[in-house]
Amino acid sequence: MFSQLRGWEWLIIVALILLLFGAKRLPDAARGLGRSLRIFKAETKGLADDTSKDASGKATDPATPDALSAPAPEALPAAGQAPPAAPAAAEAPAPERTEG
């Protein structure tokens, strides 16, 4: 599809993108796209590594960040119950007011 585009077609496409997004937003958009692709690549590599470890018979480490981020089932409130109240923060004493 893109291999059939010649020089003028690419120039028109680039000009339209420049007009739509503006010159100031293009570097930020490219930077964001690069970060997203880098994160995606790292996650797919991690997924492939996890799959290969599971296939080789090695046990996965239970202390991975994924296992630590989820609360334990007993820490979750039962259906129909309100979650436990957070402990109240210690209140600082109010400053004394001097009348004068």
Protein backbone atom coordinates (compact mmCIF):
# COMPACT_ATOMS: atom_id res chain seq x y z
CA MET A 1 0.00 0.00 0.00
CA PHE A 2 2.66 2.53 1.05
CA SER A 3 5.20 1.24 -1.44
CA GLN A 4 3.16 2.66 -4.31
CA LEU A 5 3.43 6.23 -2.98
CA ARG A 6 5.97 8.39 -4.77
CA GLY A 7 7.77 11.56 -3.67
CA TRP A 8 4.96 14.03 -4.31
CA GLU A 9 2.39 11.93 -2.49
CA TRP A 10 4.64 11.71 0.58
CA LEU A 11 5.23 15.46 0.42
CA ILE A 12 1.49 16.14 0.38
CA ILE A 13 0.90 13.74 3.29
CA VAL A 14 3.66 15.39 5.35
CA ALA A 15 2.26 18.86 4.56
CA LEU A 16 -1.24 17.79 5.64
CA ILE A 17 0.09 16.36 8.91
CA LEU A 18 2.05 19.54 9.54
CA LEU A 19 -1.06 21.64 8.90
CA LEU A 20 -3.27 19.48 11.12
CA PHE A 21 -0.97 19.18 14.13
CA GLY A 22 1.29 22.20 13.84
CA ALA A 23 5.07 22.39 14.05
CA LYS A 24 5.10 22.74 17.84
CA ARG A 25 3.14 19.55 18.54
CA LEU A 26 4.96 17.22 16.14
CA PRO A 27 8.12 16.72 18.26
CA ASP A 28 6.01 15.99 21.34
CA ALA A 29 3.85 13.56 19.39
CA ALA A 30 6.92 11.78 17.99
CA ARG A 31 8.47 11.61 21.47
CA GLY A 32 5.27 10.13 22.92
CA LEU A 33 5.04 7.61 20.10
CA GLY A 34 8.67 6.58 20.68
CA ARG A 35 8.07 6.10 24.41
CA SER A 36 4.94 4.07 23.72
CA LEU A 37 6.77 1.81 21.28
CA ARG A 38 9.65 1.37 23.74
CA ILE A 39 7.23 0.35 26.53
CA PHE A 40 5.37 -1.98 24.19
CA LYS A 41 8.62 -3.63 23.11
CA ALA A 42 9.73 -4.11 26.72
CA GLU A 43 6.37 -5.60 27.73
CA THR A 44 6.26 -8.03 24.81
CA LYS A 45 9.84 -9.10 25.55
CA GLY A 46 8.92 -9.64 29.20
CA LEU A 47 5.87 -11.65 28.17
CA ALA A 48 7.99 -13.80 25.86
CA ASP A 49 10.54 -14.33 28.66
CA ASP A 50 7.78 -15.36 31.08
CA THR A 51 6.36 -17.78 28.53
CA SER A 52 9.75 -19.36 27.89
CA LYS A 53 10.40 -19.74 31.64
CA ASP A 54 7.02 -21.41 32.14
CA ALA A 55 7.65 -23.76 29.21
CA SER A 56 11.07 -24.76 30.52
CA GLY A 57 9.54 -25.88 33.83
CA LYS A 58 11.09 -23.24 36.04
CA ALA A 59 8.86 -21.84 38.76
CA THR A 60 8.05 -18.19 38.49
CA ASP A 61 9.18 -15.89 41.26
CA PRO A 62 6.22 -15.03 43.52
CA ALA A 63 7.91 -11.77 44.54
CA THR A 64 7.42 -10.14 41.17
CA PRO A 65 5.89 -6.67 41.12
CA ASP A 66 2.68 -8.08 39.60
CA ALA A 67 2.21 -10.43 42.55
CA LEU A 68 2.97 -7.67 45.03
CA SER A 69 0.62 -5.11 43.50
CA ALA A 70 -2.57 -7.15 43.97
CA PRO A 71 -4.03 -7.27 47.50
CA ALA A 72 -4.38 -10.59 49.22
CA PRO A 73 -7.90 -12.09 48.94
CA GLU A 74 -8.38 -11.98 52.71
CA ALA A 75 -7.60 -8.24 52.68
CA LEU A 76 -10.53 -7.53 50.37
CA PRO A 77 -13.93 -6.79 51.95
CA ALA A 78 -16.63 -9.41 51.53
CA ALA A 79 -19.57 -8.72 49.24
CA GLY A 80 -22.01 -6.33 50.86
CA GLN A 81 -19.54 -5.06 53.45
CA ALA A 82 -18.00 -1.63 53.55
CA PRO A 83 -14.22 -1.45 53.30
CA PRO A 84 -12.44 -0.90 56.62
CA ALA A 85 -12.02 2.72 57.60
CA ALA A 86 -8.58 4.22 57.28
CA PRO A 87 -6.90 5.13 60.57
CA ALA A 88 -7.43 8.75 61.50
CA ALA A 89 -4.41 10.98 61.15
CA ALA A 90 -3.10 12.51 64.33
CA GLU A 91 -4.28 16.07 64.53
CA ALA A 92 -1.77 18.77 65.30
CA PRO A 93 -2.73 21.10 68.14
CA ALA A 94 -4.08 24.43 67.05
CA PRO A 95 -1.74 27.36 67.58
CA GLU A 96 -2.55 29.53 70.55
CA ARG A 97 -4.13 32.84 69.74
CA THR A 98 -3.06 35.89 71.60
CA GLU A 99 -5.45 38.78 71.88
CA GLY A 100 -3.89 42.12 71.84
